[in-house]
Amino acid sequence: MKTECRDPVVTTVINEIFRDKSICTPVYRADLMTDDDVRAKIAGLPMVYIWKEDRESGSCTVSVNGVKVEEMLEGHVDRSDDQFPRYRDEISAFVAGVSNESVAETCQRLRRFPSELFVGK
């Protein structure tokens, strides 16, 4: 997980996210099938959630909860800071990349669907 050459604020928040498994571990959510489902439940979703699993095509969607990223970022930067959106987007993109790669690799290696592996609240 390379975080060198990033803004120190971004690096700090990324490290906080991945230091705590309860925050960074993806959770499969069978109750999410549409964007409207996500919008309605976003406040209660984990940092990384897996949804819209399609067993026929072998696909799913891995998403990062921007609300949770913003909450963590607020511990370091005020929302009114002009850099806040850039920091949020950079952190979200990094977490999404790592999470997508990890979920895909784990599912392929174990030959299981996310709904079988990433069970949580």
PDB file of N, CA and C in Angstrom:
ATOM      1  N   MET A   1       0.852  -1.170   0.000  1.00  0.00           N
ATOM      2  CA  MET A   1       0.000   0.000   0.000  1.00  0.00           C
ATOM      3  C   MET A   1       0.895   1.230   0.000  1.00  0.00           C
ATOM      4  N   LYS A   2       1.037   1.815  -1.157  1.00  0.00           N
ATOM      5  CA  LYS A   2       1.944   2.960  -1.280  1.00  0.00           C
ATOM      6  C   LYS A   2       1.198   4.261  -1.039  1.00  0.00           C
ATOM      7  N   THR A   3       1.648   4.979  -0.031  1.00  0.00           N
ATOM      8  CA  THR A   3       1.048   6.281   0.246  1.00  0.00           C
ATOM      9  C   THR A   3       2.093   7.383   0.175  1.00  0.00           C
ATOM     10  N   GLU A   4       3.323   7.027  -0.252  1.00  0.00           N
ATOM     11  CA  GLU A   4       4.363   8.040  -0.374  1.00  0.00           C
ATOM     12  C   GLU A   4       3.931   9.070  -1.418  1.00  0.00           C
ATOM     13  N   CYS A   5       4.501  10.234  -1.342  1.00  0.00           N
ATOM     14  CA  CYS A   5       4.244  11.314  -2.300  1.00  0.00           C
ATOM     15  C   CYS A   5       2.812  11.816  -2.255  1.00  0.00           C
ATOM     16  N   ARG A   6       2.130  11.572  -1.187  1.00  0.00           N
ATOM     17  CA  ARG A   6       0.778  12.094  -1.002  1.00  0.00           C
ATOM     18  C   ARG A   6       0.831  13.181   0.046  1.00  0.00           C
ATOM     19  N   ASP A   7      -0.187  14.003   0.038  1.00  0.00           N
ATOM     20  CA  ASP A   7      -0.300  15.025   1.063  1.00  0.00           C
ATOM     21  C   ASP A   7      -0.312  14.337   2.431  1.00  0.00           C
ATOM     22  N   PRO A   8       0.362  14.899   3.432  1.00  0.00           N
ATOM     23  CA  PRO A   8       0.402  14.272   4.759  1.00  0.00           C
ATOM     24  C   PRO A   8      -0.985  14.039   5.369  1.00  0.00           C
ATOM     25  N   VAL A   9      -1.931  14.914   5.100  1.00  0.00           N
ATOM     26  CA  VAL A   9      -3.291  14.721   5.626  1.00  0.00           C
ATOM     27  C   VAL A   9      -3.908  13.465   5.014  1.00  0.00           C
ATOM     28  N   VAL A  10      -3.753  13.311   3.711  1.00  0.00           N
ATOM     29  CA  VAL A  10      -4.290  12.147   3.011  1.00  0.00           C
ATOM     30  C   VAL A  10      -3.631  10.878   3.538  1.00  0.00           C
ATOM     31  N   THR A  11      -2.331  10.893   3.660  1.00  0.00           N
ATOM     32  CA  THR A  11      -1.595   9.732   4.167  1.00  0.00           C
ATOM     33  C   THR A  11      -2.045   9.366   5.577  1.00  0.00           C
ATOM     34  N   THR A  12      -2.219  10.355   6.427  1.00  0.00           N
ATOM     35  CA  THR A  12      -2.644  10.109   7.811  1.00  0.00           C
ATOM     36  C   THR A  12      -4.012   9.435   7.855  1.00  0.00           C
ATOM     37  N   VAL A  13      -4.962   9.943   7.102  1.00  0.00           N
ATOM     38  CA  VAL A  13      -6.312   9.365   7.122  1.00  0.00           C
ATOM     39  C   VAL A  13      -6.308   7.965   6.512  1.00  0.00           C
ATOM     40  N   ILE A  14      -5.596   7.774   5.427  1.00  0.00           N
ATOM     41  CA  ILE A  14      -5.494   6.435   4.827  1.00  0.00           C
ATOM     42  C   ILE A  14      -4.905   5.454   5.836  1.00  0.00           C
ATOM     43  N   ASN A  15      -3.859   5.861   6.526  1.00  0.00           N
ATOM     44  CA  ASN A  15      -3.249   4.980   7.530  1.00  0.00           C
ATOM     45  C   ASN A  15      -4.218   4.668   8.659  1.00  0.00           C
ATOM     46  N   GLU A  16      -4.998   5.649   9.084  1.00  0.00           N
ATOM     47  CA  GLU A  16      -6.005   5.417  10.130  1.00  0.00           C
ATOM     48  C   GLU A  16      -7.048   4.400   9.664  1.00  0.00           C
ATOM     49  N   ILE A  17      -7.472   4.523   8.427  1.00  0.00           N
ATOM     50  CA  ILE A  17      -8.480   3.606   7.892  1.00  0.00           C
ATOM     51  C   ILE A  17      -7.952   2.172   7.875  1.00  0.00           C
ATOM     52  N   PHE A  18      -6.745   1.982   7.351  1.00  0.00           N
ATOM     53  CA  PHE A  18      -6.226   0.621   7.196  1.00  0.00           C
ATOM     54  C   PHE A  18      -5.606   0.052   8.473  1.00  0.00           C
ATOM     55  N   ARG A  19      -5.397   0.888   9.456  1.00  0.00           N
ATOM     56  CA  ARG A  19      -4.882   0.410  10.740  1.00  0.00           C
ATOM     57  C   ARG A  19      -5.977  -0.314  11.531  1.00  0.00           C
ATOM     58  N   ASP A  20      -7.234   0.024  11.277  1.00  0.00           N
ATOM     59  CA  ASP A  20      -8.358  -0.517  12.040  1.00  0.00           C
ATOM     60  C   ASP A  20      -9.190  -1.436  11.148  1.00  0.00           C
ATOM     61  N   LYS A  21      -9.072  -2.741  11.374  1.00  0.00           N
ATOM     62  CA  LYS A  21      -9.781  -3.710  10.537  1.00  0.00           C
ATOM     63  C   LYS A  21     -11.291  -3.532  10.600  1.00  0.00           C
ATOM     64  N   SER A  22     -11.792  -3.030  11.708  1.00  0.00           N
ATOM     65  CA  SER A  22     -13.241  -2.832  11.810  1.00  0.00           C
ATOM     66  C   SER A  22     -13.714  -1.719  10.879  1.00  0.00           C
ATOM     67  N   ILE A  23     -12.805  -0.864  10.459  1.00  0.00           N
ATOM     68  CA  ILE A  23     -13.153   0.213   9.533  1.00  0.00           C
ATOM     69  C   ILE A  23     -12.950  -0.222   8.085  1.00  0.00           C
ATOM     70  N   CYS A  24     -11.834  -0.872   7.795  1.00  0.00           N
ATOM     71  CA  CYS A  24     -11.468  -1.126   6.392  1.00  0.00           C
ATOM     72  C   CYS A  24     -11.954  -2.456   5.837  1.00  0.00           C
ATOM     73  N   THR A  25     -12.461  -3.356   6.673  1.00  0.00           N
ATOM     74  CA  THR A  25     -12.910  -4.648   6.174  1.00  0.00           C
ATOM     75  C   THR A  25     -14.221  -4.485   5.408  1.00  0.00           C
ATOM     76  N   PRO A  26     -14.256  -4.921   4.159  1.00  0.00           N
ATOM     77  CA  PRO A  26     -15.490  -4.816   3.372  1.00  0.00           C
ATOM     78  C   PRO A  26     -16.604  -5.685   3.965  1.00  0.00           C
ATOM     79  N   VAL A  27     -17.837  -5.226   3.799  1.00  0.00           N
ATOM     80  CA  VAL A  27     -19.009  -5.950   4.287  1.00  0.00           C
ATOM     81  C   VAL A  27     -20.000  -6.081   3.135  1.00  0.00           C
ATOM     82  N   TYR A  28     -20.459  -7.312   2.905  1.00  0.00           N
ATOM     83  CA  TYR A  28     -21.465  -7.533   1.869  1.00  0.00           C
ATOM     84  C   TYR A  28     -22.832  -7.133   2.387  1.00  0.00           C
ATOM     85  N   ARG A  29     -23.588  -6.394   1.556  1.00  0.00           N
ATOM     86  CA  ARG A  29     -24.934  -5.942   1.928  1.00  0.00           C
ATOM     87  C   ARG A  29     -25.941  -6.410   0.886  1.00  0.00           C
ATOM     88  N   ALA A  30     -26.678  -7.472   1.213  1.00  0.00           N
ATOM     89  CA  ALA A  30     -27.689  -8.027   0.308  1.00  0.00           C
ATOM     90  C   ALA A  30     -28.870  -7.077   0.131  1.00  0.00           C
ATOM     91  N   ASP A  31     -29.049  -6.166   1.075  1.00  0.00           N
ATOM     92  CA  ASP A  31     -30.194  -5.250   1.025  1.00  0.00           C
ATOM     93  C   ASP A  31     -29.989  -4.086   0.060  1.00  0.00           C
ATOM     94  N   LEU A  32     -28.842  -4.009  -0.575  1.00  0.00           N
ATOM     95  CA  LEU A  32     -28.554  -2.930  -1.516  1.00  0.00           C
ATOM     96  C   LEU A  32     -28.538  -3.467  -2.944  1.00  0.00           C
ATOM     97  N   MET A  33     -29.480  -3.004  -3.744  1.00  0.00           N
ATOM     98  CA  MET A  33     -29.505  -3.429  -5.147  1.00  0.00           C
ATOM     99  C   MET A  33     -29.516  -2.245  -6.112  1.00  0.00           C
ATOM    100  N   THR A  34     -29.890  -1.076  -5.608  1.00  0.00           N
ATOM    101  CA  THR A  34     -29.970   0.104  -6.476  1.00  0.00           C
ATOM    102  C   THR A  34     -29.268   1.285  -5.818  1.00  0.00           C
ATOM    103  N   ASP A  35     -28.994   2.297  -6.620  1.00  0.00           N
ATOM    104  CA  ASP A  35     -28.410   3.523  -6.076  1.00  0.00           C
ATOM    105  C   ASP A  35     -29.341   4.163  -5.060  1.00  0.00           C
ATOM    106  N   ASP A  36     -30.641   4.042  -5.273  1.00  0.00           N
ATOM    107  CA  ASP A  36     -31.607   4.584  -4.312  1.00  0.00           C
ATOM    108  C   ASP A  36     -31.495   3.870  -2.966  1.00  0.00           C
ATOM    109  N   ASP A  37     -31.270   2.553  -2.989  1.00  0.00           N
ATOM    110  CA  ASP A  37     -31.058   1.803  -1.739  1.00  0.00           C
ATOM    111  C   ASP A  37     -29.851   2.358  -0.990  1.00  0.00           C
ATOM    112  N   VAL A  38     -28.781   2.596  -1.726  1.00  0.00           N
ATOM    113  CA  VAL A  38     -27.551   3.121  -1.120  1.00  0.00           C
ATOM    114  C   VAL A  38     -27.805   4.500  -0.517  1.00  0.00           C
ATOM    115  N   ARG A  39     -28.428   5.378  -1.288  1.00  0.00           N
ATOM    116  CA  ARG A  39     -28.700   6.737  -0.788  1.00  0.00           C
ATOM    117  C   ARG A  39     -29.550   6.710   0.477  1.00  0.00           C
ATOM    118  N   ALA A  40     -30.521   5.816   0.519  1.00  0.00           N
ATOM    119  CA  ALA A  40     -31.416   5.745   1.676  1.00  0.00           C
ATOM    120  C   ALA A  40     -30.715   5.226   2.926  1.00  0.00           C
ATOM    121  N   LYS A  41     -29.654   4.460   2.762  1.00  0.00           N
ATOM    122  CA  LYS A  41     -28.999   3.800   3.897  1.00  0.00           C
ATOM    123  C   LYS A  41     -27.565   4.255   4.130  1.00  0.00           C
ATOM    124  N   ILE A  42     -27.095   5.262   3.399  1.00  0.00           N
ATOM    125  CA  ILE A  42     -25.676   5.641   3.413  1.00  0.00           C
ATOM    126  C   ILE A  42     -25.145   5.921   4.812  1.00  0.00           C
ATOM    127  N   ALA A  43     -25.926   6.566   5.647  1.00  0.00           N
ATOM    128  CA  ALA A  43     -25.438   6.917   6.990  1.00  0.00           C
ATOM    129  C   ALA A  43     -25.092   5.686   7.823  1.00  0.00           C
ATOM    130  N   GLY A  44     -25.759   4.587   7.568  1.00  0.00           N
ATOM    131  CA  GLY A  44     -25.517   3.384   8.353  1.00  0.00           C
ATOM    132  C   GLY A  44     -24.623   2.356   7.690  1.00  0.00           C
ATOM    133  N   LEU A  45     -24.097   2.684   6.519  1.00  0.00           N
ATOM    134  CA  LEU A  45     -23.241   1.730   5.809  1.00  0.00           C
ATOM    135  C   LEU A  45     -21.808   1.812   6.328  1.00  0.00           C
ATOM    136  N   PRO A  46     -21.087   0.700   6.227  1.00  0.00           N
ATOM    137  CA  PRO A  46     -19.674   0.711   6.648  1.00  0.00           C
ATOM    138  C   PRO A  46     -18.800   1.502   5.674  1.00  0.00           C
ATOM    139  N   MET A  47     -17.553   1.671   6.016  1.00  0.00           N
ATOM    140  CA  MET A  47     -16.605   2.395   5.165  1.00  0.00           C
ATOM    141  C   MET A  47     -16.532   1.765   3.768  1.00  0.00           C
ATOM    142  N   VAL A  48     -16.423   0.438   3.713  1.00  0.00           N
ATOM    143  CA  VAL A  48     -16.351  -0.274   2.440  1.00  0.00           C
ATOM    144  C   VAL A  48     -17.467  -1.313   2.423  1.00  0.00           C
ATOM    145  N   TYR A  49     -18.328  -1.213   1.425  1.00  0.00           N
ATOM    146  CA  TYR A  49     -19.429  -2.156   1.336  1.00  0.00           C
ATOM    147  C   TYR A  49     -19.505  -2.748  -0.074  1.00  0.00           C
ATOM    148  N   ILE A  50     -19.953  -3.998  -0.100  1.00  0.00           N
ATOM    149  CA  ILE A  50     -20.076  -4.747  -1.350  1.00  0.00           C
ATOM    150  C   ILE A  50     -21.564  -4.949  -1.588  1.00  0.00           C
ATOM    151  N   TRP A  51     -21.982  -4.707  -2.814  1.00  0.00           N
ATOM    152  CA  TRP A  51     -23.405  -4.812  -3.113  1.00  0.00           C
ATOM    153  C   TRP A  51     -23.630  -5.182  -4.570  1.00  0.00           C
ATOM    154  N   LYS A  52     -24.884  -5.369  -4.932  1.00  0.00           N
ATOM    155  CA  LYS A  52     -25.279  -5.670  -6.306  1.00  0.00           C
ATOM    156  C   LYS A  52     -24.526  -6.883  -6.854  1.00  0.00           C
ATOM    157  N   GLU A  53     -24.454  -7.934  -6.054  1.00  0.00           N
ATOM    158  CA  GLU A  53     -23.804  -9.160  -6.501  1.00  0.00           C
ATOM    159  C   GLU A  53     -24.661  -9.823  -7.587  1.00  0.00           C
ATOM    160  N   ASP A  54     -24.021 -10.243  -8.655  1.00  0.00           N
ATOM    161  CA  ASP A  54     -24.689 -10.944  -9.751  1.00  0.00           C
ATOM    162  C   ASP A  54     -23.944 -12.251  -9.964  1.00  0.00           C
ATOM    163  N   ARG A  55     -24.529 -13.318  -9.492  1.00  0.00           N
ATOM    164  CA  ARG A  55     -23.847 -14.611  -9.561  1.00  0.00           C
ATOM    165  C   ARG A  55     -23.715 -15.124 -10.993  1.00  0.00           C
ATOM    166  N   GLU A  56     -24.640 -14.767 -11.853  1.00  0.00           N
ATOM    167  CA  GLU A  56     -24.556 -15.225 -13.247  1.00  0.00           C
ATOM    168  C   GLU A  56     -23.328 -14.657 -13.949  1.00  0.00           C
ATOM    169  N   SER A  57     -23.102 -13.365 -13.761  1.00  0.00           N
ATOM    170  CA  SER A  57     -21.954 -12.735 -14.428  1.00  0.00           C
ATOM    171  C   SER A  57     -20.695 -12.774 -13.557  1.00  0.00           C
ATOM    172  N   GLY A  58     -20.876 -13.126 -12.275  1.00  0.00           N
ATOM    173  CA  GLY A  58     -19.735 -13.159 -11.357  1.00  0.00           C
ATOM    174  C   GLY A  58     -19.257 -11.775 -10.974  1.00  0.00           C
ATOM    175  N   SER A  59     -20.164 -10.811 -10.979  1.00  0.00           N
ATOM    176  CA  SER A  59     -19.768  -9.436 -10.685  1.00  0.00           C
ATOM    177  C   SER A  59     -20.434  -8.922  -9.405  1.00  0.00           C
ATOM    178  N   CYS A  60     -19.885  -7.847  -8.908  1.00  0.00           N
ATOM    179  CA  CYS A  60     -20.447  -7.145  -7.764  1.00  0.00           C
ATOM    180  C   CYS A  60     -19.892  -5.727  -7.803  1.00  0.00           C
ATOM    181  N   THR A  61     -20.405  -4.903  -6.928  1.00  0.00           N
ATOM    182  CA  THR A  61     -19.911  -3.538  -6.821  1.00  0.00           C
ATOM    183  C   THR A  61     -19.290  -3.364  -5.442  1.00  0.00           C
ATOM    184  N   VAL A  62     -18.077  -2.834  -5.398  1.00  0.00           N
ATOM    185  CA  VAL A  62     -17.401  -2.509  -4.145  1.00  0.00           C
ATOM    186  C   VAL A  62     -17.363  -0.988  -4.071  1.00  0.00           C
ATOM    187  N   SER A  63     -17.926  -0.439  -3.000  1.00  0.00           N
ATOM    188  CA  SER A  63     -18.015   1.014  -2.871  1.00  0.00           C
ATOM    189  C   SER A  63     -17.415   1.497  -1.561  1.00  0.00           C
ATOM    190  N   VAL A  64     -16.980   2.748  -1.583  1.00  0.00           N
ATOM    191  CA  VAL A  64     -16.451   3.408  -0.391  1.00  0.00           C
ATOM    192  C   VAL A  64     -17.486   4.440   0.051  1.00  0.00           C
ATOM    193  N   ASN A  65     -17.787   4.443   1.318  1.00  0.00           N
ATOM    194  CA  ASN A  65     -18.772   5.353   1.886  1.00  0.00           C
ATOM    195  C   ASN A  65     -18.131   6.723   2.093  1.00  0.00           C
ATOM    196  N   GLY A  66     -18.436   7.647   1.205  1.00  0.00           N
ATOM    197  CA  GLY A  66     -17.870   8.991   1.280  1.00  0.00           C
ATOM    198  C   GLY A  66     -18.210   9.722   2.562  1.00  0.00           C
ATOM    199  N   VAL A  67     -19.370   9.425   3.137  1.00  0.00           N
ATOM    200  CA  VAL A  67     -19.761  10.051   4.408  1.00  0.00           C
ATOM    201  C   VAL A  67     -18.789   9.656   5.506  1.00  0.00           C
ATOM    202  N   LYS A  68     -18.410   8.377   5.532  1.00  0.00           N
ATOM    203  CA  LYS A  68     -17.461   7.897   6.545  1.00  0.00           C
ATOM    204  C   LYS A  68     -16.073   8.504   6.319  1.00  0.00           C
ATOM    205  N   VAL A  69     -15.673   8.624   5.057  1.00  0.00           N
ATOM    206  CA  VAL A  69     -14.382   9.256   4.753  1.00  0.00           C
ATOM    207  C   VAL A  69     -14.396  10.693   5.249  1.00  0.00           C
ATOM    208  N   GLU A  70     -15.469  11.405   4.975  1.00  0.00           N
ATOM    209  CA  GLU A  70     -15.574  12.800   5.415  1.00  0.00           C
ATOM    210  C   GLU A  70     -15.511  12.914   6.932  1.00  0.00           C
ATOM    211  N   GLU A  71     -16.175  11.998   7.638  1.00  0.00           N
ATOM    212  CA  GLU A  71     -16.143  12.017   9.107  1.00  0.00           C
ATOM    213  C   GLU A  71     -14.718  11.858   9.624  1.00  0.00           C
ATOM    214  N   MET A  72     -13.968  10.951   9.031  1.00  0.00           N
ATOM    215  CA  MET A  72     -12.583  10.748   9.465  1.00  0.00           C
ATOM    216  C   MET A  72     -11.716  11.944   9.092  1.00  0.00           C
ATOM    217  N   LEU A  73     -11.934  12.481   7.912  1.00  0.00           N
ATOM    218  CA  LEU A  73     -11.154  13.620   7.440  1.00  0.00           C
ATOM    219  C   LEU A  73     -11.394  14.854   8.303  1.00  0.00           C
ATOM    220  N   GLU A  74     -12.608  15.012   8.804  1.00  0.00           N
ATOM    221  CA  GLU A  74     -12.930  16.161   9.649  1.00  0.00           C
ATOM    222  C   GLU A  74     -12.089  16.214  10.922  1.00  0.00           C
ATOM    223  N   GLY A  75     -11.539  15.083  11.311  1.00  0.00           N
ATOM    224  CA  GLY A  75     -10.652  15.063  12.461  1.00  0.00           C
ATOM    225  C   GLY A  75      -9.312  15.734  12.182  1.00  0.00           C
ATOM    226  N   HIS A  76      -9.061  16.070  10.918  1.00  0.00           N
ATOM    227  CA  HIS A  76      -7.777  16.635  10.519  1.00  0.00           C
ATOM    228  C   HIS A  76      -7.892  17.955   9.762  1.00  0.00           C
ATOM    229  N   VAL A  77      -9.014  18.155   9.074  1.00  0.00           N
ATOM    230  CA  VAL A  77      -9.194  19.336   8.232  1.00  0.00           C
ATOM    231  C   VAL A  77     -10.643  19.806   8.373  1.00  0.00           C
ATOM    232  N   ASP A  78     -10.826  21.083   8.476  1.00  0.00           N
ATOM    233  CA  ASP A  78     -12.172  21.644   8.545  1.00  0.00           C
ATOM    234  C   ASP A  78     -12.854  21.515   7.185  1.00  0.00           C
ATOM    235  N   ARG A  79     -14.151  21.240   7.200  1.00  0.00           N
ATOM    236  CA  ARG A  79     -14.907  21.115   5.947  1.00  0.00           C
ATOM    237  C   ARG A  79     -14.824  22.362   5.072  1.00  0.00           C
ATOM    238  N   SER A  80     -14.613  23.508   5.699  1.00  0.00           N
ATOM    239  CA  SER A  80     -14.553  24.763   4.945  1.00  0.00           C
ATOM    240  C   SER A  80     -13.227  24.945   4.199  1.00  0.00           C
ATOM    241  N   ASP A  81     -12.245  24.105   4.504  1.00  0.00           N
ATOM    242  CA  ASP A  81     -10.956  24.171   3.819  1.00  0.00           C
ATOM    243  C   ASP A  81     -11.152  23.851   2.332  1.00  0.00           C
ATOM    244  N   ASP A  82     -10.567  24.656   1.474  1.00  0.00           N
ATOM    245  CA  ASP A  82     -10.698  24.459   0.030  1.00  0.00           C
ATOM    246  C   ASP A  82     -10.187  23.092  -0.427  1.00  0.00           C
ATOM    247  N   GLN A  83      -9.280  22.509   0.335  1.00  0.00           N
ATOM    248  CA  GLN A  83      -8.689  21.223  -0.037  1.00  0.00           C
ATOM    249  C   GLN A  83      -9.542  20.025   0.400  1.00  0.00           C
ATOM    250  N   PHE A  84     -10.548  20.273   1.229  1.00  0.00           N
ATOM    251  CA  PHE A  84     -11.348  19.174   1.781  1.00  0.00           C
ATOM    252  C   PHE A  84     -11.886  18.243   0.688  1.00  0.00           C
ATOM    253  N   PRO A  85     -12.546  18.759  -0.363  1.00  0.00           N
ATOM    254  CA  PRO A  85     -13.060  17.845  -1.398  1.00  0.00           C
ATOM    255  C   PRO A  85     -11.965  17.043  -2.101  1.00  0.00           C
ATOM    256  N   ARG A  86     -10.825  17.685  -2.348  1.00  0.00           N
ATOM    257  CA  ARG A  86      -9.715  16.983  -3.002  1.00  0.00           C
ATOM    258  C   ARG A  86      -9.185  15.867  -2.107  1.00  0.00           C
ATOM    259  N   TYR A  87      -9.010  16.174  -0.813  1.00  0.00           N
ATOM    260  CA  TYR A  87      -8.552  15.151   0.132  1.00  0.00           C
ATOM    261  C   TYR A  87      -9.538  13.988   0.173  1.00  0.00           C
ATOM    262  N   ARG A  88     -10.829  14.306   0.303  1.00  0.00           N
ATOM    263  CA  ARG A  88     -11.860  13.269   0.377  1.00  0.00           C
ATOM    264  C   ARG A  88     -11.813  12.380  -0.853  1.00  0.00           C
ATOM    265  N   ASP A  89     -11.737  12.990  -2.025  1.00  0.00           N
ATOM    266  CA  ASP A  89     -11.737  12.223  -3.272  1.00  0.00           C
ATOM    267  C   ASP A  89     -10.487  11.360  -3.403  1.00  0.00           C
ATOM    268  N   GLU A  90      -9.345  11.889  -3.005  1.00  0.00           N
ATOM    269  CA  GLU A  90      -8.102  11.129  -3.094  1.00  0.00           C
ATOM    270  C   GLU A  90      -8.109   9.943  -2.126  1.00  0.00           C
ATOM    271  N   ILE A  91      -8.587  10.177  -0.921  1.00  0.00           N
ATOM    272  CA  ILE A  91      -8.687   9.090   0.073  1.00  0.00           C
ATOM    273  C   ILE A  91      -9.662   8.036  -0.423  1.00  0.00           C
ATOM    274  N   SER A  92     -10.823   8.466  -0.894  1.00  0.00           N
ATOM    275  CA  SER A  92     -11.840   7.523  -1.378  1.00  0.00           C
ATOM    276  C   SER A  92     -11.315   6.690  -2.540  1.00  0.00           C
ATOM    277  N   ALA A  93     -10.635   7.318  -3.475  1.00  0.00           N
ATOM    278  CA  ALA A  93     -10.093   6.600  -4.631  1.00  0.00           C
ATOM    279  C   ALA A  93      -9.052   5.571  -4.201  1.00  0.00           C
ATOM    280  N   PHE A  94      -8.203   5.941  -3.257  1.00  0.00           N
ATOM    281  CA  PHE A  94      -7.173   5.017  -2.785  1.00  0.00           C
ATOM    282  C   PHE A  94      -7.817   3.809  -2.097  1.00  0.00           C
ATOM    283  N   VAL A  95      -8.747   4.074  -1.190  1.00  0.00           N
ATOM    284  CA  VAL A  95      -9.423   2.995  -0.465  1.00  0.00           C
ATOM    285  C   VAL A  95     -10.191   2.109  -1.445  1.00  0.00           C
ATOM    286  N   ALA A  96     -10.851   2.714  -2.425  1.00  0.00           N
ATOM    287  CA  ALA A  96     -11.593   1.937  -3.421  1.00  0.00           C
ATOM    288  C   ALA A  96     -10.665   1.027  -4.213  1.00  0.00           C
ATOM    289  N   GLY A  97      -9.527   1.555  -4.628  1.00  0.00           N
ATOM    290  CA  GLY A  97      -8.578   0.747  -5.394  1.00  0.00           C
ATOM    291  C   GLY A  97      -8.077  -0.448  -4.618  1.00  0.00           C
ATOM    292  N   VAL A  98      -7.664  -0.217  -3.399  1.00  0.00           N
ATOM    293  CA  VAL A  98      -7.165  -1.306  -2.552  1.00  0.00           C
ATOM    294  C   VAL A  98      -8.276  -2.311  -2.269  1.00  0.00           C
ATOM    295  N   SER A  99      -9.462  -1.819  -1.959  1.00  0.00           N
ATOM    296  CA  SER A  99     -10.586  -2.695  -1.607  1.00  0.00           C
ATOM    297  C   SER A  99     -11.037  -3.528  -2.802  1.00  0.00           C
ATOM    298  N   ASN A 100     -11.154  -2.905  -3.967  1.00  0.00           N
ATOM    299  CA  ASN A 100     -11.557  -3.642  -5.168  1.00  0.00           C
ATOM    300  C   ASN A 100     -10.571  -4.757  -5.473  1.00  0.00           C
ATOM    301  N   GLU A 101      -9.303  -4.438  -5.410  1.00  0.00           N
ATOM    302  CA  GLU A 101      -8.266  -5.432  -5.689  1.00  0.00           C
ATOM    303  C   GLU A 101      -8.321  -6.571  -4.670  1.00  0.00           C
ATOM    304  N   SER A 102      -8.472  -6.232  -3.403  1.00  0.00           N
ATOM    305  CA  SER A 102      -8.504  -7.221  -2.335  1.00  0.00           C
ATOM    306  C   SER A 102      -9.721  -8.140  -2.446  1.00  0.00           C
ATOM    307  N   VAL A 103     -10.887  -7.562  -2.690  1.00  0.00           N
ATOM    308  CA  VAL A 103     -12.111  -8.365  -2.812  1.00  0.00           C
ATOM    309  C   VAL A 103     -12.013  -9.298  -4.016  1.00  0.00           C
ATOM    310  N   ALA A 104     -11.599  -8.775  -5.164  1.00  0.00           N
ATOM    311  CA  ALA A 104     -11.497  -9.598  -6.368  1.00  0.00           C
ATOM    312  C   ALA A 104     -10.506 -10.744  -6.167  1.00  0.00           C
ATOM    313  N   GLU A 105      -9.349 -10.422  -5.614  1.00  0.00           N
ATOM    314  CA  GLU A 105      -8.326 -11.443  -5.390  1.00  0.00           C
ATOM    315  C   GLU A 105      -8.808 -12.522  -4.424  1.00  0.00           C
ATOM    316  N   THR A 106      -9.449 -12.113  -3.350  1.00  0.00           N
ATOM    317  CA  THR A 106      -9.941 -13.065  -2.345  1.00  0.00           C
ATOM    318  C   THR A 106     -11.014 -13.969  -2.939  1.00  0.00           C
ATOM    319  N   CYS A 107     -11.960 -13.407  -3.675  1.00  0.00           N
ATOM    320  CA  CYS A 107     -13.032 -14.201  -4.284  1.00  0.00           C
ATOM    321  C   CYS A 107     -12.478 -15.187  -5.309  1.00  0.00           C
ATOM    322  N   GLN A 108     -11.541 -14.741  -6.114  1.00  0.00           N
ATOM    323  CA  GLN A 108     -10.948 -15.625  -7.123  1.00  0.00           C
ATOM    324  C   GLN A 108     -10.141 -16.747  -6.481  1.00  0.00           C
ATOM    325  N   ARG A 109      -9.350 -16.373  -5.494  1.00  0.00           N
ATOM    326  CA  ARG A 109      -8.487 -17.367  -4.847  1.00  0.00           C
ATOM    327  C   ARG A 109      -9.311 -18.441  -4.128  1.00  0.00           C
ATOM    328  N   LEU A 110     -10.381 -18.030  -3.454  1.00  0.00           N
ATOM    329  CA  LEU A 110     -11.197 -18.968  -2.679  1.00  0.00           C
ATOM    330  C   LEU A 110     -12.375 -19.530  -3.469  1.00  0.00           C
ATOM    331  N   ARG A 111     -12.571 -19.015  -4.678  1.00  0.00           N
ATOM    332  CA  ARG A 111     -13.674 -19.452  -5.538  1.00  0.00           C
ATOM    333  C   ARG A 111     -15.021 -19.350  -4.830  1.00  0.00           C
ATOM    334  N   ARG A 112     -15.231 -18.187  -4.244  1.00  0.00           N
ATOM    335  CA  ARG A 112     -16.473 -17.898  -3.515  1.00  0.00           C
ATOM    336  C   ARG A 112     -16.984 -16.522  -3.918  1.00  0.00           C
ATOM    337  N   PHE A 113     -18.258 -16.317  -3.675  1.00  0.00           N
ATOM    338  CA  PHE A 113     -18.867 -15.012  -3.931  1.00  0.00           C
ATOM    339  C   PHE A 113     -18.693 -14.118  -2.715  1.00  0.00           C
ATOM    340  N   PRO A 114     -18.719 -12.813  -2.928  1.00  0.00           N
ATOM    341  CA  PRO A 114     -18.575 -11.884  -1.793  1.00  0.00           C
ATOM    342  C   PRO A 114     -19.592 -12.131  -0.686  1.00  0.00           C
ATOM    343  N   SER A 115     -20.812 -12.508  -1.061  1.00  0.00           N
ATOM    344  CA  SER A 115     -21.849 -12.754  -0.053  1.00  0.00           C
ATOM    345  C   SER A 115     -21.504 -13.922   0.862  1.00  0.00           C
ATOM    346  N   GLU A 116     -20.580 -14.783   0.432  1.00  0.00           N
ATOM    347  CA  GLU A 116     -20.152 -15.923   1.242  1.00  0.00           C
ATOM    348  C   GLU A 116     -18.931 -15.595   2.106  1.00  0.00           C
ATOM    349  N   LEU A 117     -18.209 -14.561   1.712  1.00  0.00           N
ATOM    350  CA  LEU A 117     -16.933 -14.258   2.380  1.00  0.00           C
ATOM    351  C   LEU A 117     -16.940 -13.008   3.259  1.00  0.00           C
ATOM    352  N   PHE A 118     -17.691 -12.027   2.862  1.00  0.00           N
ATOM    353  CA  PHE A 118     -17.617 -10.718   3.531  1.00  0.00           C
ATOM    354  C   PHE A 118     -18.905 -10.436   4.301  1.00  0.00           C
ATOM    355  N   VAL A 119     -19.219 -11.341   5.200  1.00  0.00           N
ATOM    356  CA  VAL A 119     -20.449 -11.254   5.981  1.00  0.00           C
ATOM    357  C   VAL A 119     -20.194 -10.347   7.184  1.00  0.00           C
ATOM    358  N   GLY A 120     -21.102  -9.472   7.427  1.00  0.00           N
ATOM    359  CA  GLY A 120     -20.948  -8.558   8.566  1.00  0.00           C
ATOM    360  C   GLY A 120     -22.271  -7.918   8.886  1.00  0.00           C
ATOM    361  N   LYS A 121     -22.178  -6.818   9.585  1.00  0.00           N
ATOM    362  CA  LYS A 121     -23.395  -6.107  10.010  1.00  0.00           C
ATOM    363  C   LYS A 121     -23.954  -5.278   8.893  1.00  0.00           C
TER     364      LYS A 121
END
